[in-house]
Amino acid sequence: MNGKETQGMDGVLTLELLHLDGSLMERRRVPNLITIAGKQLVAELLMGRVTALPTRWSIAVGTGIDQPSPNDTMLGAKVDEAPDATPKVEAVKQGDGTSIVRATVTATLQPLPQATVQPLTEAGILIRQGGETAVLFNRVRFEEVNRGPNMVMKMTWEISF
């Protein structure tokens, strides 16, 4: 072993549409793009150059149709956001003896009011530091998901380092 790391940042969003009783309707896993702003935030945290530590993590969803770009600083058309009060970090040993660190953000969007349908096509993690504007850490575009009054939408984002 040469001691050289090859792991970069990688993210995957799992979307689960659940019936109101909690049973699974549909599950999708979609890889995402880490934005330059997200990478910058990680580097600033490592160097101790942030004015405030991240205080709030959430997953935002929208109806934008443009493909993600590293330069994105917001979703194309944000329509909702759900917080995660307890994001998790864990070290995970791989089958080949190496290990990764995984950060997990989970958020749940509640059902919409009766007779309302929302065609969602994008999502991203928003990180807030104190009262500062949110940083769009990552962004993904996916095939349309129609959120409605008869479902809960659970989103789990795993970021591996």
Protein backbone atom coordinates (compact mmCIF):
# COMPACT_ATOMS: atom_id res chain seq x y z
CA MET A 1 0.00 0.00 0.00
CA ASN A 2 1.42 3.38 -0.98
CA GLY A 3 -0.46 5.48 1.58
CA LYS A 4 -2.09 7.64 -1.09
CA GLU A 5 -5.79 8.43 -0.67
CA THR A 6 -8.01 8.29 -3.74
CA GLN A 7 -11.40 8.99 -2.16
CA GLY A 8 -12.98 12.35 -2.96
CA MET A 9 -16.38 13.69 -1.93
CA ASP A 10 -19.31 11.73 -3.30
CA GLY A 11 -23.02 12.14 -2.65
CA VAL A 12 -26.16 10.10 -3.27
CA LEU A 13 -29.75 11.15 -2.61
CA THR A 14 -32.34 8.51 -1.74
CA LEU A 15 -35.92 9.66 -2.32
CA GLU A 16 -38.68 7.61 -0.72
CA LEU A 17 -42.33 8.29 -1.39
CA LEU A 18 -44.36 6.82 1.46
CA HIS A 19 -48.08 6.25 1.84
CA LEU A 20 -49.57 7.99 4.87
CA ASP A 21 -49.41 4.66 6.75
CA GLY A 22 -45.62 4.59 6.21
CA SER A 23 -45.53 1.88 3.54
CA LEU A 24 -43.21 2.44 0.58
CA MET A 25 -44.66 3.63 -2.75
CA GLU A 26 -41.41 4.28 -4.59
CA ARG A 27 -37.67 4.58 -3.92
CA ARG A 28 -35.05 6.27 -6.10
CA ARG A 29 -31.29 6.69 -5.61
CA VAL A 30 -29.68 9.53 -7.54
CA PRO A 31 -25.99 10.58 -7.50
CA ASN A 32 -25.39 14.29 -7.14
CA LEU A 33 -22.89 17.05 -7.82
CA ILE A 34 -21.00 18.75 -4.96
CA THR A 35 -20.95 22.49 -5.70
CA ILE A 36 -17.86 24.69 -5.60
CA ALA A 37 -19.53 26.56 -2.70
CA GLY A 38 -19.90 23.24 -0.85
CA LYS A 39 -16.25 22.31 -1.40
CA GLN A 40 -15.21 25.83 -0.39
CA LEU A 41 -17.17 25.52 2.86
CA VAL A 42 -15.43 22.22 3.72
CA ALA A 43 -12.00 23.74 2.97
CA GLU A 44 -12.78 26.87 5.04
CA LEU A 45 -13.89 24.66 7.96
CA LEU A 46 -10.64 22.65 7.75
CA MET A 47 -8.55 25.82 7.80
CA GLY A 48 -10.54 27.43 10.63
CA ARG A 49 -11.53 30.34 8.40
CA VAL A 50 -15.29 30.34 8.97
CA THR A 51 -16.96 33.09 10.96
CA ALA A 52 -19.57 30.68 12.34
CA LEU A 53 -19.91 26.90 12.35
CA PRO A 54 -22.82 25.34 10.46
CA THR A 55 -25.90 25.51 12.67
CA ARG A 56 -28.68 24.23 10.42
CA TRP A 57 -28.82 21.56 7.73
CA SER A 58 -31.82 21.07 5.50
CA ILE A 59 -32.82 19.55 2.19
CA ALA A 60 -34.53 21.86 -0.26
CA VAL A 61 -36.59 20.72 -3.26
CA GLY A 62 -37.62 22.55 -6.38
CA THR A 63 -39.06 22.46 -9.86
CA GLY A 64 -36.02 23.65 -11.83
CA ILE A 65 -35.13 21.87 -15.06
CA ASP A 66 -31.51 22.92 -15.65
CA GLN A 67 -28.79 20.34 -15.10
CA PRO A 68 -26.61 20.88 -12.01
CA SER A 69 -23.45 22.92 -12.44
CA PRO A 70 -20.48 23.21 -10.06
CA ASN A 71 -21.13 26.97 -9.97
CA ASP A 72 -24.74 26.63 -8.69
CA THR A 73 -25.43 28.64 -5.54
CA MET A 74 -29.18 27.93 -5.36
CA LEU A 75 -31.76 25.58 -6.78
CA GLY A 76 -33.33 26.55 -10.09
CA ALA A 77 -36.80 27.03 -8.55
CA LYS A 78 -36.96 26.19 -4.82
CA VAL A 79 -40.47 25.39 -3.55
CA ASP A 80 -39.93 23.79 -0.13
CA GLU A 81 -37.34 22.89 2.49
CA ALA A 82 -37.21 20.44 5.39
CA PRO A 83 -34.64 20.57 8.23
CA ASP A 84 -32.56 17.80 9.78
CA ALA A 85 -32.00 18.59 13.46
CA THR A 86 -29.56 15.69 13.92
CA PRO A 87 -27.30 15.11 10.89
CA LYS A 88 -25.00 12.13 11.44
CA VAL A 89 -21.33 11.41 10.83
CA GLU A 90 -19.85 7.91 10.98
CA ALA A 91 -16.72 6.05 9.94
CA VAL A 92 -17.54 3.05 7.74
CA LYS A 93 -15.09 0.22 7.06
CA GLN A 94 -15.16 -1.00 3.45
CA GLY A 95 -14.89 -4.62 2.31
CA ASP A 96 -11.37 -4.02 0.96
CA GLY A 97 -10.05 -2.88 4.37
CA THR A 98 -10.22 0.85 3.61
CA SER A 99 -12.66 3.16 5.33
CA ILE A 100 -14.73 6.20 4.47
CA VAL A 101 -16.44 8.85 6.53
CA ARG A 102 -20.13 9.28 5.76
CA ALA A 103 -22.26 12.30 6.62
CA THR A 104 -26.02 11.70 6.43
CA VAL A 105 -28.72 14.36 6.21
CA THR A 106 -32.34 13.17 6.42
CA ALA A 107 -35.42 15.31 5.96
CA THR A 108 -39.13 14.62 5.53
CA LEU A 109 -41.60 16.69 3.55
CA GLN A 110 -45.12 16.35 4.91
CA PRO A 111 -48.18 15.81 2.67
CA LEU A 112 -49.50 18.77 0.72
CA PRO A 113 -52.99 20.20 1.27
CA GLN A 114 -55.87 18.28 -0.31
CA ALA A 115 -56.02 18.29 -4.14
CA THR A 116 -52.53 19.85 -4.50
CA VAL A 117 -49.81 18.22 -6.61
CA GLN A 118 -46.23 19.48 -6.79
CA PRO A 119 -43.99 18.15 -9.62
CA LEU A 120 -40.49 18.11 -8.06
CA THR A 121 -37.37 17.75 -10.21
CA GLU A 122 -34.40 18.93 -8.12
CA ALA A 123 -32.97 18.93 -4.61
CA GLY A 124 -29.97 20.15 -2.65
CA ILE A 125 -28.55 20.38 0.86
CA LEU A 126 -28.63 23.87 2.34
CA ILE A 127 -26.17 24.65 5.13
CA ARG A 128 -26.66 27.74 7.27
CA GLN A 129 -23.99 29.29 9.47
CA GLY A 130 -25.55 31.50 12.14
CA GLY A 131 -27.67 34.12 10.40
CA GLU A 132 -25.77 33.93 7.12
CA THR A 133 -27.26 33.06 3.76
CA ALA A 134 -27.52 29.32 3.10
CA VAL A 135 -24.74 27.58 1.20
CA LEU A 136 -25.95 25.15 -1.47
CA PHE A 137 -23.64 22.23 -0.68
CA ASN A 138 -24.81 19.99 -3.50
CA ARG A 139 -27.48 19.73 -6.15
CA VAL A 140 -29.20 16.98 -8.08
CA ARG A 141 -31.71 16.92 -10.92
CA PHE A 142 -33.99 13.88 -11.18
CA GLU A 143 -36.97 12.61 -13.14
CA GLU A 144 -40.17 14.31 -12.00
CA VAL A 145 -41.68 13.15 -8.71
CA ASN A 146 -45.26 14.26 -8.09
CA ARG A 147 -45.59 15.13 -4.41
CA GLY A 148 -49.21 15.17 -3.29
CA PRO A 149 -51.66 15.04 -0.39
CA ASN A 150 -51.55 11.24 -0.08
CA MET A 151 -47.82 10.85 0.60
CA VAL A 152 -44.84 11.76 2.71
CA MET A 153 -41.52 12.34 0.95
CA LYS A 154 -38.47 11.18 2.89
CA MET A 155 -35.04 12.22 1.59
CA THR A 156 -31.76 10.80 2.81
CA TRP A 157 -28.53 12.25 1.51
CA GLU A 158 -25.28 10.38 2.10
CA ILE A 159 -22.04 12.25 1.50
CA SER A 160 -18.92 10.09 1.58
CA PHE A 161 -15.36 11.35 2.03
